[in-house]
Amino acid sequence: MKKLLYFSAVVTLATLPFATIAADQLSKDNIGQLRPAGTVSVSGAANLDDLQAKLGEKAKEEGAKGFIVNSASGDERMFGTATIYK
């Protein structure tokens, strides 16, 4: 019975839309019909991958479909900005 319960929970969670996935990182070549909608900034990232992930999360919070990183700096505590596109 427990196995059936676990299986149904996993299937249910796997079929839910992932609304918490961050916005996509874009390049100037693949903006398409999206328009700039502002900027976001984050700080305290451990490395570049962490910085991009945090910028993506912040962009998604703002309702953006994508973002382009404008700046990144820092050593142990990185900070950066990105333009968001809707």
N, C-alpha and C. Protein backbone atom coordinates (compact mmCIF):
# COMPACT_ATOMS: atom_id res chain seq x y z
N MET A 1 0.82 -1.19 0.00
CA MET A 1 0.00 0.00 0.00
C MET A 1 0.87 1.26 0.00
N LYS A 2 1.95 1.23 0.80
CA LYS A 2 2.84 2.39 0.84
C LYS A 2 3.50 2.63 -0.51
N LYS A 3 3.85 1.54 -1.20
CA LYS A 3 4.48 1.69 -2.51
C LYS A 3 3.53 2.36 -3.50
N LEU A 4 2.27 2.00 -3.45
CA LEU A 4 1.28 2.61 -4.32
C LEU A 4 1.12 4.09 -4.00
N LEU A 5 1.12 4.42 -2.73
CA LEU A 5 1.00 5.82 -2.30
C LEU A 5 2.21 6.63 -2.78
N TYR A 6 3.41 6.10 -2.60
CA TYR A 6 4.62 6.79 -3.05
C TYR A 6 4.62 6.94 -4.57
N PHE A 7 4.24 5.88 -5.27
CA PHE A 7 4.21 5.93 -6.73
C PHE A 7 3.23 6.99 -7.22
N SER A 8 2.04 7.04 -6.64
CA SER A 8 1.06 8.03 -7.08
C SER A 8 1.51 9.45 -6.75
N ALA A 9 2.21 9.64 -5.63
CA ALA A 9 2.73 10.96 -5.29
C ALA A 9 3.79 11.40 -6.28
N VAL A 10 4.67 10.49 -6.66
CA VAL A 10 5.73 10.81 -7.62
C VAL A 10 5.13 11.15 -8.98
N VAL A 11 4.17 10.37 -9.43
CA VAL A 11 3.53 10.63 -10.72
C VAL A 11 2.82 11.97 -10.71
N THR A 12 2.12 12.27 -9.62
CA THR A 12 1.42 13.55 -9.50
C THR A 12 2.39 14.72 -9.56
N LEU A 13 3.47 14.64 -8.81
CA LEU A 13 4.45 15.72 -8.81
C LEU A 13 5.16 15.85 -10.15
N ALA A 14 5.38 14.75 -10.83
CA ALA A 14 6.07 14.78 -12.12
C ALA A 14 5.21 15.42 -13.20
N THR A 15 3.89 15.37 -13.06
CA THR A 15 3.03 15.93 -14.09
C THR A 15 2.64 17.38 -13.85
N LEU A 16 2.99 17.92 -12.70
CA LEU A 16 2.68 19.32 -12.43
C LEU A 16 3.59 20.23 -13.24
N PRO A 17 3.09 21.37 -13.69
CA PRO A 17 3.97 22.31 -14.39
C PRO A 17 4.99 22.88 -13.42
N PHE A 18 6.16 23.11 -13.91
CA PHE A 18 7.23 23.61 -13.06
C PHE A 18 7.27 25.13 -13.14
N ALA A 19 6.45 25.79 -12.33
CA ALA A 19 6.34 27.24 -12.33
C ALA A 19 7.55 27.91 -11.70
N THR A 20 8.34 27.16 -10.95
CA THR A 20 9.47 27.76 -10.27
C THR A 20 10.76 27.71 -11.08
N ILE A 21 10.70 27.19 -12.29
CA ILE A 21 11.89 27.17 -13.14
C ILE A 21 12.23 28.60 -13.53
N ALA A 22 13.50 28.93 -13.47
CA ALA A 22 13.95 30.29 -13.76
C ALA A 22 13.74 30.65 -15.22
N ALA A 23 13.78 31.94 -15.50
CA ALA A 23 13.68 32.44 -16.87
C ALA A 23 14.89 31.98 -17.66
N ASP A 24 14.74 31.90 -18.97
CA ASP A 24 15.82 31.46 -19.85
C ASP A 24 16.84 32.56 -20.07
N GLN A 25 18.10 32.17 -20.09
CA GLN A 25 19.13 33.13 -20.45
C GLN A 25 19.13 33.24 -21.97
N LEU A 26 19.06 34.46 -22.47
CA LEU A 26 18.98 34.73 -23.90
C LEU A 26 20.30 35.26 -24.42
N SER A 27 20.42 35.31 -25.74
CA SER A 27 21.52 36.03 -26.37
C SER A 27 20.89 37.07 -27.29
N LYS A 28 21.66 38.00 -27.76
CA LYS A 28 21.11 39.05 -28.61
C LYS A 28 20.54 38.47 -29.91
N ASP A 29 20.99 37.29 -30.29
CA ASP A 29 20.51 36.65 -31.52
C ASP A 29 19.15 35.97 -31.37
N ASN A 30 18.78 35.57 -30.16
CA ASN A 30 17.53 34.82 -30.00
C ASN A 30 16.48 35.53 -29.16
N ILE A 31 16.45 36.85 -29.20
CA ILE A 31 15.45 37.61 -28.45
C ILE A 31 14.08 37.48 -29.13
N GLY A 32 14.06 37.44 -30.45
CA GLY A 32 12.80 37.30 -31.18
C GLY A 32 11.88 38.48 -30.97
N GLN A 33 10.63 38.22 -30.63
CA GLN A 33 9.62 39.25 -30.44
C GLN A 33 9.59 39.81 -29.01
N LEU A 34 10.48 39.34 -28.15
CA LEU A 34 10.49 39.82 -26.76
C LEU A 34 11.00 41.25 -26.70
N ARG A 35 10.49 42.00 -25.75
CA ARG A 35 10.87 43.40 -25.57
C ARG A 35 11.48 43.60 -24.18
N PRO A 36 12.47 44.51 -24.05
CA PRO A 36 13.05 44.79 -22.74
C PRO A 36 11.98 45.30 -21.78
N ALA A 37 12.06 44.84 -20.54
CA ALA A 37 11.05 45.21 -19.55
C ALA A 37 11.67 45.66 -18.23
N GLY A 38 12.96 45.99 -18.24
CA GLY A 38 13.61 46.46 -17.02
C GLY A 38 14.89 45.70 -16.74
N THR A 39 15.38 45.87 -15.53
CA THR A 39 16.60 45.18 -15.12
C THR A 39 16.40 44.57 -13.74
N VAL A 40 17.23 43.58 -13.45
CA VAL A 40 17.27 42.96 -12.13
C VAL A 40 18.72 42.90 -11.70
N SER A 41 18.95 42.85 -10.40
CA SER A 41 20.31 42.71 -9.89
C SER A 41 20.28 41.78 -8.69
N VAL A 42 21.37 41.06 -8.51
CA VAL A 42 21.53 40.16 -7.38
C VAL A 42 22.95 40.29 -6.85
N SER A 43 23.15 39.84 -5.63
CA SER A 43 24.49 39.82 -5.04
C SER A 43 24.61 38.60 -4.14
N GLY A 44 25.83 38.29 -3.78
CA GLY A 44 26.08 37.18 -2.86
C GLY A 44 26.22 35.83 -3.52
N ALA A 45 26.41 35.78 -4.82
CA ALA A 45 26.57 34.50 -5.52
C ALA A 45 27.98 33.95 -5.28
N ALA A 46 28.08 32.64 -5.21
CA ALA A 46 29.37 32.00 -4.96
C ALA A 46 30.24 31.91 -6.21
N ASN A 47 29.60 31.77 -7.40
CA ASN A 47 30.34 31.65 -8.66
C ASN A 47 29.43 32.12 -9.80
N LEU A 48 29.93 32.05 -11.03
CA LEU A 48 29.15 32.54 -12.18
C LEU A 48 27.87 31.74 -12.41
N ASP A 49 27.94 30.42 -12.24
CA ASP A 49 26.74 29.61 -12.42
C ASP A 49 25.67 29.99 -11.40
N ASP A 50 26.09 30.19 -10.17
CA ASP A 50 25.16 30.59 -9.11
C ASP A 50 24.58 31.97 -9.41
N LEU A 51 25.41 32.87 -9.93
CA LEU A 51 24.95 34.21 -10.28
C LEU A 51 23.89 34.14 -11.39
N GLN A 52 24.14 33.36 -12.43
CA GLN A 52 23.17 33.21 -13.51
C GLN A 52 21.87 32.60 -13.00
N ALA A 53 21.96 31.63 -12.11
CA ALA A 53 20.76 31.01 -11.56
C ALA A 53 19.95 32.02 -10.75
N LYS A 54 20.65 32.82 -9.94
CA LYS A 54 19.95 33.82 -9.13
C LYS A 54 19.31 34.90 -10.00
N LEU A 55 20.02 35.32 -11.05
CA LEU A 55 19.44 36.29 -11.98
C LEU A 55 18.21 35.71 -12.67
N GLY A 56 18.27 34.45 -13.05
CA GLY A 56 17.13 33.79 -13.68
C GLY A 56 15.93 33.70 -12.76
N GLU A 57 16.17 33.39 -11.49
CA GLU A 57 15.08 33.33 -10.51
C GLU A 57 14.45 34.70 -10.31
N LYS A 58 15.29 35.71 -10.20
CA LYS A 58 14.79 37.07 -10.00
C LYS A 58 14.00 37.54 -11.23
N ALA A 59 14.49 37.21 -12.42
CA ALA A 59 13.79 37.57 -13.65
C ALA A 59 12.43 36.90 -13.70
N LYS A 60 12.36 35.63 -13.31
CA LYS A 60 11.09 34.90 -13.30
C LYS A 60 10.12 35.53 -12.31
N GLU A 61 10.62 35.97 -11.15
CA GLU A 61 9.77 36.66 -10.17
C GLU A 61 9.15 37.92 -10.75
N GLU A 62 9.87 38.57 -11.66
CA GLU A 62 9.39 39.80 -12.29
C GLU A 62 8.49 39.50 -13.50
N GLY A 63 8.28 38.23 -13.80
CA GLY A 63 7.41 37.86 -14.90
C GLY A 63 8.09 37.81 -16.25
N ALA A 64 9.40 37.77 -16.26
CA ALA A 64 10.15 37.77 -17.52
C ALA A 64 10.18 36.37 -18.14
N LYS A 65 10.28 36.34 -19.46
CA LYS A 65 10.45 35.08 -20.17
C LYS A 65 11.92 34.77 -20.40
N GLY A 66 12.76 35.80 -20.32
CA GLY A 66 14.18 35.62 -20.52
C GLY A 66 14.96 36.81 -20.01
N PHE A 67 16.29 36.67 -20.01
CA PHE A 67 17.16 37.73 -19.54
C PHE A 67 18.51 37.65 -20.23
N ILE A 68 19.19 38.79 -20.28
CA ILE A 68 20.56 38.86 -20.79
C ILE A 68 21.41 39.50 -19.70
N VAL A 69 22.50 38.84 -19.33
CA VAL A 69 23.39 39.35 -18.29
C VAL A 69 24.13 40.57 -18.83
N ASN A 70 24.07 41.66 -18.07
CA ASN A 70 24.77 42.90 -18.45
C ASN A 70 26.14 42.99 -17.81
N SER A 71 26.21 42.62 -16.52
CA SER A 71 27.47 42.73 -15.81
C SER A 71 27.57 41.67 -14.74
N ALA A 72 28.80 41.29 -14.44
CA ALA A 72 29.10 40.34 -13.37
C ALA A 72 30.46 40.71 -12.82
N SER A 73 30.56 40.75 -11.50
CA SER A 73 31.83 41.13 -10.89
C SER A 73 31.90 40.55 -9.48
N GLY A 74 33.10 40.58 -8.94
CA GLY A 74 33.31 40.11 -7.58
C GLY A 74 34.20 38.88 -7.55
N ASP A 75 34.67 38.57 -6.36
CA ASP A 75 35.53 37.40 -6.18
C ASP A 75 34.76 36.29 -5.46
N GLU A 76 34.73 36.37 -4.14
CA GLU A 76 34.05 35.34 -3.37
C GLU A 76 32.55 35.59 -3.28
N ARG A 77 32.13 36.83 -3.33
CA ARG A 77 30.71 37.19 -3.30
C ARG A 77 30.40 38.00 -4.55
N MET A 78 29.95 37.30 -5.58
CA MET A 78 29.72 37.94 -6.87
C MET A 78 28.40 38.70 -6.88
N PHE A 79 28.34 39.71 -7.74
CA PHE A 79 27.11 40.47 -7.96
C PHE A 79 26.99 40.75 -9.45
N GLY A 80 25.76 40.98 -9.90
CA GLY A 80 25.57 41.23 -11.32
C GLY A 80 24.19 41.80 -11.62
N THR A 81 24.04 42.24 -12.88
CA THR A 81 22.77 42.78 -13.33
C THR A 81 22.39 42.11 -14.65
N ALA A 82 21.10 42.17 -14.97
CA ALA A 82 20.61 41.60 -16.22
C ALA A 82 19.41 42.39 -16.70
N THR A 83 19.25 42.50 -18.01
CA THR A 83 18.06 43.07 -18.62
C THR A 83 17.06 41.95 -18.78
N ILE A 84 15.81 42.19 -18.37
CA ILE A 84 14.78 41.17 -18.50
C ILE A 84 13.91 41.47 -19.72
N TYR A 85 13.38 40.41 -20.33
CA TYR A 85 12.57 40.52 -21.53
C TYR A 85 11.24 39.81 -21.32
N LYS A 86 10.16 40.47 -21.77
CA LYS A 86 8.82 39.89 -21.67
C LYS A 86 8.23 39.76 -23.04
